Amino acid sequence: DIWHFDMECIEDEDIYTEFSNKMKMLSKGKLPLLNIKSNVDHENEEVWISFELLNKKYTWELQYNYDWFDIGFVKKFSDLCSELQIDERYIFLNLGQNCIIGFCNSDQFKKINKLMKFKFEFIA
């Protein structure tokens, strides 16, 4: 399962809530996020996301870059996998205007990249 989207998409105030739900879906139950909230404040150039996971509350500040997706969002989710000792990580392929995000273990990552012209990053 992968997620492909245009990275110049940050318009709605709660877009990172939708993105977090996509990351949750890609994890196939390994990251059962609850109470996801986010805010993109274009006027003050601030972005944050919060959620609960396994009875712990998380709040992350993200980088504001006008209407562009913060790639650091993917890194934060992979760091969360590491913190929870989950074998899988998020993989990321930057195609300039677009990107592709997936979720897999290191063996799957290697197999995918052998088949690809453009190479994914294993976000660890």
Protein backbone atom coordinates (compact mmCIF):
# COMPACT_ATOMS: atom_id res chain seq x y z
CA ASP A 1 0.00 0.00 0.00
CA ILE A 2 1.28 3.41 -0.93
CA TRP A 3 0.05 6.97 -0.84
CA HIS A 4 0.78 9.34 -3.72
CA PHE A 5 -0.02 13.05 -3.56
CA ASP A 6 0.89 16.55 -4.72
CA MET A 7 3.11 18.13 -2.07
CA GLU A 8 1.85 21.64 -2.82
CA CYS A 9 -1.42 20.93 -1.02
CA ILE A 10 -1.38 22.69 2.35
CA GLU A 11 -4.48 24.83 2.21
CA ASP A 12 -6.96 23.53 4.78
CA GLU A 13 -6.32 24.30 8.44
CA ASP A 14 -6.64 20.64 9.44
CA ILE A 15 -4.93 18.98 6.46
CA TYR A 16 -2.38 17.23 8.69
CA THR A 17 -5.25 15.47 10.45
CA GLU A 18 -6.12 13.88 7.12
CA PHE A 19 -2.44 13.09 6.53
CA SER A 20 -2.15 11.47 9.97
CA ASN A 21 -5.14 9.29 9.19
CA LYS A 22 -3.37 8.22 5.97
CA MET A 23 -0.24 7.34 7.96
CA LYS A 24 -2.39 5.40 10.41
CA MET A 25 -4.00 3.52 7.53
CA LEU A 26 -0.63 2.70 5.96
CA SER A 27 0.57 1.23 9.27
CA LYS A 28 -2.25 -1.36 9.15
CA GLY A 29 -3.04 -1.08 12.86
CA LYS A 30 0.49 -0.71 14.18
CA LEU A 31 -0.09 2.99 14.95
CA PRO A 32 -3.65 3.21 16.32
CA LEU A 33 -3.75 6.99 16.63
CA LEU A 34 -6.70 8.56 18.46
CA ASN A 35 -8.03 12.10 18.84
CA ILE A 36 -6.00 13.47 15.96
CA LYS A 37 -6.06 17.25 15.65
CA SER A 38 -3.96 19.64 13.61
CA ASN A 39 -3.79 23.25 12.62
CA VAL A 40 -2.11 25.16 9.84
CA ASP A 41 -2.11 28.84 10.71
CA HIS A 42 -1.09 30.65 7.53
CA GLU A 43 -1.31 34.06 9.14
CA ASN A 44 1.17 33.24 11.93
CA GLU A 45 3.10 30.64 9.88
CA GLU A 46 2.62 27.90 12.49
CA VAL A 47 1.75 24.24 12.05
CA TRP A 48 1.11 21.60 14.69
CA ILE A 49 -0.45 18.19 15.08
CA SER A 50 -1.54 16.32 18.19
CA PHE A 51 -2.86 12.83 18.86
CA GLU A 52 -2.98 10.06 21.42
CA LEU A 53 -1.25 6.72 21.01
CA LEU A 54 -1.20 3.94 23.58
CA ASN A 55 -2.37 6.28 26.36
CA LYS A 56 0.31 8.87 25.60
CA LYS A 57 -0.31 12.34 24.17
CA TYR A 58 1.88 13.69 21.40
CA THR A 59 2.12 17.21 20.05
CA TRP A 60 4.46 17.98 17.20
CA GLU A 61 5.34 21.30 15.66
CA LEU A 62 5.86 21.08 11.93
CA GLN A 63 7.71 23.36 9.57
CA TYR A 64 5.61 25.98 7.85
CA ASN A 65 6.41 26.29 4.15
CA TYR A 66 3.42 28.14 2.68
CA ASP A 67 1.36 25.58 0.79
CA TRP A 68 4.03 22.85 0.70
CA PHE A 69 3.94 19.62 2.70
CA ASP A 70 6.56 19.31 5.47
CA ILE A 71 8.64 16.23 4.65
CA GLY A 72 9.71 16.15 8.31
CA PHE A 73 6.19 14.88 9.05
CA VAL A 74 7.23 11.49 7.62
CA LYS A 75 10.41 11.44 9.71
CA LYS A 76 8.41 12.09 12.88
CA PHE A 77 6.20 9.09 12.14
CA SER A 78 9.21 6.85 11.49
CA ASP A 79 10.79 8.07 14.73
CA LEU A 80 7.55 7.09 16.45
CA CYS A 81 7.87 3.57 14.98
CA SER A 82 11.40 3.38 16.32
CA GLU A 83 10.28 4.58 19.76
CA LEU A 84 7.61 1.86 19.82
CA GLN A 85 10.07 -0.77 18.49
CA ILE A 86 8.02 -1.44 15.37
CA ASP A 87 10.08 -3.13 12.63
CA GLU A 88 8.46 -1.22 9.79
CA ARG A 89 9.26 2.35 8.83
CA TYR A 90 7.79 4.82 6.42
CA ILE A 91 9.47 5.09 3.05
CA PHE A 92 9.47 8.27 1.03
CA LEU A 93 10.03 9.04 -2.64
CA ASN A 94 10.34 12.71 -3.55
CA LEU A 95 9.29 13.33 -7.14
CA GLY A 96 9.56 17.12 -6.95
CA GLN A 97 5.95 18.28 -7.10
CA ASN A 98 4.64 14.87 -5.97
CA CYS A 99 5.72 12.24 -3.49
CA ILE A 100 4.98 8.65 -2.62
CA ILE A 101 4.86 7.34 0.95
CA GLY A 102 4.74 3.68 1.95
CA PHE A 103 5.19 1.56 5.07
CA CYS A 104 7.36 -1.56 5.10
CA ASN A 105 10.21 -3.40 6.77
CA SER A 106 13.83 -3.13 5.59
CA ASP A 107 13.69 -6.33 3.48
CA GLN A 108 10.59 -5.13 1.64
CA PHE A 109 12.25 -1.74 1.17
CA LYS A 110 15.29 -3.34 -0.50
CA LYS A 111 13.08 -5.43 -2.80
CA ILE A 112 11.00 -2.42 -3.82
CA ASN A 113 14.06 -0.32 -4.60
CA LYS A 114 15.55 -3.09 -6.77
CA LEU A 115 12.47 -2.74 -8.98
CA MET A 116 12.37 1.05 -9.06
CA LYS A 117 14.07 3.54 -11.34
CA PHE A 118 13.71 6.22 -8.68
CA LYS A 119 14.71 5.09 -5.18
CA PHE A 120 12.71 5.39 -1.98
CA GLU A 121 14.32 6.63 1.22
CA PHE A 122 13.92 4.34 4.23
CA ILE A 123 13.13 6.91 6.90
CA ALA A 124 14.87 5.64 10.03
